[in-house]
C-alpha atoms as a PDB file:
ATOM      1  CA  UNK A   1      34.071  22.675  -5.880  1.00  0.00           C
ATOM      2  CA  UNK A   2      37.567  21.126  -6.315  1.00  0.00           C
ATOM      3  CA  UNK A   3      38.540  18.542  -8.884  1.00  0.00           C
ATOM      4  CA  UNK A   4      37.779  15.035  -7.357  1.00  0.00           C
ATOM      5  CA  UNK A   5      40.811  12.675  -6.456  1.00  0.00           C
ATOM      6  CA  UNK A   6      41.152   9.074  -5.551  1.00  0.00           C
ATOM      7  CA  UNK A   7      39.389   7.994  -2.741  1.00  0.00           C
ATOM      8  CA  UNK A   8      36.848  10.843  -3.142  1.00  0.00           C
ATOM      9  CA  UNK A   9      33.356  10.381  -2.592  1.00  0.00           C
ATOM     10  CA  UNK A  10      31.023  11.774  -5.166  1.00  0.00           C
ATOM     11  CA  UNK A  11      27.406  11.117  -6.434  1.00  0.00           C
ATOM     12  CA  UNK A  12      26.886   8.979  -9.542  1.00  0.00           C
ATOM     13  CA  UNK A  13      23.968   6.572 -10.769  1.00  0.00           C
ATOM     14  CA  UNK A  14      24.710   3.127  -9.988  1.00  0.00           C
ATOM     15  CA  UNK A  15      23.815   0.502 -12.572  1.00  0.00           C
ATOM     16  CA  UNK A  16      23.185  -2.037 -10.378  1.00  0.00           C
ATOM     17  CA  UNK A  17      21.180   0.101  -7.486  1.00  0.00           C
ATOM     18  CA  UNK A  18      19.416   1.952 -10.589  1.00  0.00           C
ATOM     19  CA  UNK A  19      19.644   5.387  -8.616  1.00  0.00           C
ATOM     20  CA  UNK A  20      21.825   7.930  -7.536  1.00  0.00           C
ATOM     21  CA  UNK A  21      23.987   7.122  -4.613  1.00  0.00           C
ATOM     22  CA  UNK A  22      27.601   7.928  -3.255  1.00  0.00           C
ATOM     23  CA  UNK A  23      30.439   6.220  -5.351  1.00  0.00           C
ATOM     24  CA  UNK A  24      34.276   6.475  -4.327  1.00  0.00           C
ATOM     25  CA  UNK A  25      36.707   7.552  -6.853  1.00  0.00           C
ATOM     26  CA  UNK A  26      38.690   4.247  -8.121  1.00  0.00           C
ATOM     27  CA  UNK A  27      40.508   5.424 -11.055  1.00  0.00           C
ATOM     28  CA  UNK A  28      41.099   8.823 -12.851  1.00  0.00           C
ATOM     29  CA  UNK A  29      41.870   9.784 -16.494  1.00  0.00           C
ATOM     30  CA  UNK A  30      43.278  13.117 -16.300  1.00  0.00           C
ATOM     31  CA  UNK A  31      41.384  15.384 -14.145  1.00  0.00           C
ATOM     32  CA  UNK A  32      37.916  13.244 -14.646  1.00  0.00           C
ATOM     33  CA  UNK A  33      37.171  10.052 -12.634  1.00  0.00           C
ATOM     34  CA  UNK A  34      37.345   6.912 -14.859  1.00  0.00           C
ATOM     35  CA  UNK A  35      36.032   4.134 -12.815  1.00  0.00           C
ATOM     36  CA  UNK A  36      33.955   4.476  -9.239  1.00  0.00           C
ATOM     37  CA  UNK A  37      32.784   2.090  -6.870  1.00  0.00           C
ATOM     38  CA  UNK A  38      29.188   2.312  -5.412  1.00  0.00           C
ATOM     39  CA  UNK A  39      29.079   2.653  -1.583  1.00  0.00           C
ATOM     40  CA  UNK A  40      25.964   0.992  -1.278  1.00  0.00           C
ATOM     41  CA  UNK A  41      26.345  -2.388  -3.523  1.00  0.00           C
ATOM     42  CA  UNK A  42      30.312  -2.049  -3.775  1.00  0.00           C
ATOM     43  CA  UNK A  43      29.890  -2.612  -7.683  1.00  0.00           C
ATOM     44  CA  UNK A  44      32.577  -0.792  -9.636  1.00  0.00           C
ATOM     45  CA  UNK A  45      31.490   0.657 -13.207  1.00  0.00           C
ATOM     46  CA  UNK A  46      32.549   3.516 -15.643  1.00  0.00           C
ATOM     47  CA  UNK A  47      31.862   7.401 -13.923  1.00  0.00           C
ATOM     48  CA  UNK A  48      28.405   8.241 -15.720  1.00  0.00           C
ATOM     49  CA  UNK A  49      28.438  11.791 -14.685  1.00  0.00           C
ATOM     50  CA  UNK A  50      25.400  11.161 -12.561  1.00  0.00           C
ATOM     51  CA  UNK A  51      23.564  10.248 -15.706  1.00  0.00           C
ATOM     52  CA  UNK A  52      20.875   7.118 -16.019  1.00  0.00           C
ATOM     53  CA  UNK A  53      21.537   4.873 -18.891  1.00  0.00           C
ATOM     54  CA  UNK A  54      18.894   5.712 -22.078  1.00  0.00           C
ATOM     55  CA  UNK A  55      15.844   3.123 -22.125  1.00  0.00           C
ATOM     56  CA  UNK A  56      16.334  -0.200 -23.600  1.00  0.00           C
ATOM     57  CA  UNK A  57      13.728   0.581 -26.028  1.00  0.00           C
ATOM     58  CA  UNK A  58      14.133  -0.948 -29.690  1.00  0.00           C
ATOM     59  CA  UNK A  59      12.294   1.800 -31.914  1.00  0.00           C
ATOM     60  CA  UNK A  60      11.831  -1.206 -34.470  1.00  0.00           C
ATOM     61  CA  UNK A  61       9.979  -3.665 -32.003  1.00  0.00           C
ATOM     62  CA  UNK A  62       7.706  -0.721 -30.921  1.00  0.00           C
ATOM     63  CA  UNK A  63       6.822   0.091 -34.368  1.00  0.00           C
ATOM     64  CA  UNK A  64       6.381  -3.622 -35.321  1.00  0.00           C
ATOM     65  CA  UNK A  65       4.177  -3.902 -32.195  1.00  0.00           C
ATOM     66  CA  UNK A  66       2.005  -0.910 -32.764  1.00  0.00           C
ATOM     67  CA  UNK A  67       1.498  -2.085 -36.257  1.00  0.00           C
ATOM     68  CA  UNK A  68       0.332  -5.293 -34.990  1.00  0.00           C
ATOM     69  CA  UNK A  69      -2.234  -3.903 -32.874  1.00  0.00           C
ATOM     70  CA  UNK A  70      -3.570  -1.730 -35.936  1.00  0.00           C
ATOM     71  CA  UNK A  71      -4.779  -4.912 -37.537  1.00  0.00           C
ATOM     72  CA  UNK A  72      -6.759  -6.460 -34.372  1.00  0.00           C
ATOM     73  CA  UNK A  73     -10.277  -5.786 -34.852  1.00  0.00           C
ATOM     74  CA  UNK A  74     -12.142  -3.734 -32.190  1.00  0.00           C
ATOM     75  CA  UNK A  75     -13.268  -5.548 -29.046  1.00  0.00           C
ATOM     76  CA  UNK A  76     -16.746  -7.000 -29.458  1.00  0.00           C
ATOM     77  CA  UNK A  77     -19.395  -5.136 -27.226  1.00  0.00           C
ATOM     78  CA  UNK A  78     -20.575  -6.758 -24.564  1.00  0.00           C
ATOM     79  CA  UNK A  79     -24.643  -6.734 -24.346  1.00  0.00           C
ATOM     80  CA  UNK A  80     -25.949  -5.492 -20.681  1.00  0.00           C
ATOM     81  CA  UNK A  81     -27.569  -8.055 -18.500  1.00  0.00           C
ATOM     82  CA  UNK A  82     -30.726  -7.807 -17.903  1.00  0.00           C
ATOM     83  CA  UNK A  83     -31.456  -9.399 -14.386  1.00  0.00           C
ATOM     84  CA  UNK A  84     -34.773  -8.975 -13.012  1.00  0.00           C
ATOM     85  CA  UNK A  85     -35.080  -7.524  -9.456  1.00  0.00           C
ATOM     86  CA  UNK A  86     -36.308 -10.532  -7.101  1.00  0.00           C
ATOM     87  CA  UNK A  87     -38.759  -9.678  -4.235  1.00  0.00           C
ATOM     88  CA  UNK A  88     -38.033 -11.219  -0.868  1.00  0.00           C
ATOM     89  CA  UNK A  89     -41.114 -11.596   1.340  1.00  0.00           C
ATOM     90  CA  UNK A  90     -40.245 -10.522   4.861  1.00  0.00           C
ATOM     91  CA  UNK A  91     -40.035 -13.364   7.311  1.00  0.00           C
ATOM     92  CA  UNK A  92     -41.381 -12.694  10.865  1.00  0.00           C
ATOM     93  CA  UNK A  93     -39.522 -14.553  13.769  1.00  0.00           C
ATOM     94  CA  UNK A  94     -41.758 -15.290  16.817  1.00  0.00           C
ATOM     95  CA  UNK A  95     -40.433 -13.558  19.543  1.00  0.00           C
ATOM     96  CA  UNK A  96     -39.320 -16.711  21.564  1.00  0.00           C
ATOM     97  CA  UNK A  97     -36.890 -17.696  19.094  1.00  0.00           C
ATOM     98  CA  UNK A  98     -35.002 -14.503  19.107  1.00  0.00           C
ATOM     99  CA  UNK A  99     -31.793 -14.800  21.240  1.00  0.00           C
ATOM    100  CA  UNK A 100     -31.511 -12.719  24.498  1.00  0.00           C
ATOM    101  CA  UNK A 101     -28.211 -11.257  22.866  1.00  0.00           C
ATOM    102  CA  UNK A 102     -30.410  -9.976  19.580  1.00  0.00           C
ATOM    103  CA  UNK A 103     -33.046  -8.513  21.473  1.00  0.00           C
ATOM    104  CA  UNK A 104     -30.466  -6.503  23.668  1.00  0.00           C
ATOM    105  CA  UNK A 105     -28.988  -5.245  20.257  1.00  0.00           C
ATOM    106  CA  UNK A 106     -32.596  -4.219  19.072  1.00  0.00           C
ATOM    107  CA  UNK A 107     -33.317  -2.333  22.062  1.00  0.00           C
ATOM    108  CA  UNK A 108     -30.345  -0.200  21.867  1.00  0.00           C
END
């Protein structure tokens, strides 16, 4: 591939879109692009060589959080509920009280 020039379209990771998109070269520093403009959101940023920024996880905060979790007591066990089964007696409905629509469904 030939060296990029001003105005060329190249792929780069957009900080605002948070994905790899097409970018236009805005400025050069020697043979390398220095600044690019996202063709999706039109934001300008430094050329990142198609690399996403590292995650912003602070290892000190993660260590403190894990230390707090280790000091926590285990969650209490919840006893199982013994719910007795309920017997519901069957109710007979006289044929005179059953609507005609229900009678047709019963026959089918």
